[in-house]
Amino acid sequence: MSSVGPTPAAVLGSALQWAHQTAEGTMADVTDEIANRPAPGKANPIVSCYAHSVIAEDSVANGILQQ
């Protein structure tokens, strides 16, 4: 008996979708003023971290689509 499971691309796609929904839910109530406010110390503003996650998400999505 052979068991066929989800493909690696399907698993990665589901994880990407979950991460996207989590990020969007987190950012939903963040105003432009708060997002662009300089963080204390050496931390980056929220908008910089969010932009990094969007670019990373795009890279992963493109990797999935190219398979």
Protein backbone atom coordinates (compact mmCIF):
# COMPACT_ATOMS: atom_id res chain seq x y z
CA MET A 1 0.00 0.00 0.00
CA SER A 2 1.46 3.34 -1.05
CA SER A 3 0.71 6.56 0.78
CA VAL A 4 1.02 9.81 -1.13
CA GLY A 5 1.41 12.93 0.95
CA PRO A 6 1.59 16.60 0.10
CA THR A 7 4.45 17.79 -2.06
CA PRO A 8 7.20 19.90 -0.50
CA ALA A 9 5.93 22.88 -2.53
CA ALA A 10 2.42 22.41 -1.10
CA VAL A 11 3.75 22.28 2.47
CA LEU A 12 5.91 25.36 1.90
CA GLY A 13 2.98 27.16 0.26
CA SER A 14 0.76 26.44 3.28
CA ALA A 15 3.45 27.69 5.65
CA LEU A 16 3.90 30.82 3.54
CA GLN A 17 0.15 31.48 3.56
CA TRP A 18 0.03 31.10 7.36
CA ALA A 19 3.02 33.42 7.81
CA HIS A 20 1.46 36.00 5.46
CA GLN A 21 -1.84 35.96 7.35
CA THR A 22 -0.01 36.28 10.67
CA ALA A 23 2.05 39.25 9.46
CA GLU A 24 -0.97 41.01 7.98
CA GLY A 25 -2.94 40.46 11.18
CA THR A 26 -0.08 41.86 13.23
CA MET A 27 0.32 44.93 11.02
CA ALA A 28 -3.42 45.63 10.66
CA ASP A 29 -3.55 48.17 13.50
CA VAL A 30 -0.10 49.71 13.03
CA THR A 31 -0.39 53.32 11.90
CA ASP A 32 2.07 54.95 9.49
CA GLU A 33 3.37 57.06 12.34
CA ILE A 34 4.15 54.04 14.51
CA ALA A 35 5.54 52.01 11.60
CA ASN A 36 8.01 54.74 10.67
CA ARG A 37 9.00 55.77 14.19
CA PRO A 38 12.72 55.21 14.87
CA ALA A 39 13.20 52.33 17.27
CA PRO A 40 15.31 52.81 20.37
CA GLY A 41 18.88 51.62 20.35
CA LYS A 42 20.08 49.76 17.27
CA ALA A 43 16.70 48.26 16.32
CA ASN A 44 15.13 49.06 12.95
CA PRO A 45 11.75 50.78 12.57
CA ILE A 46 8.77 48.44 12.16
CA VAL A 47 8.36 49.38 8.49
CA SER A 48 11.93 48.25 7.71
CA CYS A 49 11.35 44.84 9.28
CA TYR A 50 8.00 44.53 7.52
CA ALA A 51 9.57 45.40 4.15
CA HIS A 52 12.21 42.72 4.75
CA SER A 53 9.50 40.11 5.42
CA VAL A 54 7.56 41.10 2.29
CA ILE A 55 10.68 40.74 0.12
CA ALA A 56 11.48 37.37 1.72
CA GLU A 57 7.89 36.22 1.14
CA ASP A 58 8.15 37.23 -2.49
CA SER A 59 11.38 35.28 -2.89
CA VAL A 60 9.86 32.14 -1.39
CA ALA A 61 6.72 32.46 -3.53
CA ASN A 62 8.84 32.84 -6.68
CA GLY A 63 10.85 29.78 -5.67
CA ILE A 64 7.65 27.75 -5.30
CA LEU A 65 6.31 28.90 -8.66
CA GLN A 66 9.54 28.05 -10.48
CA GLN A 67 9.39 24.39 -9.46
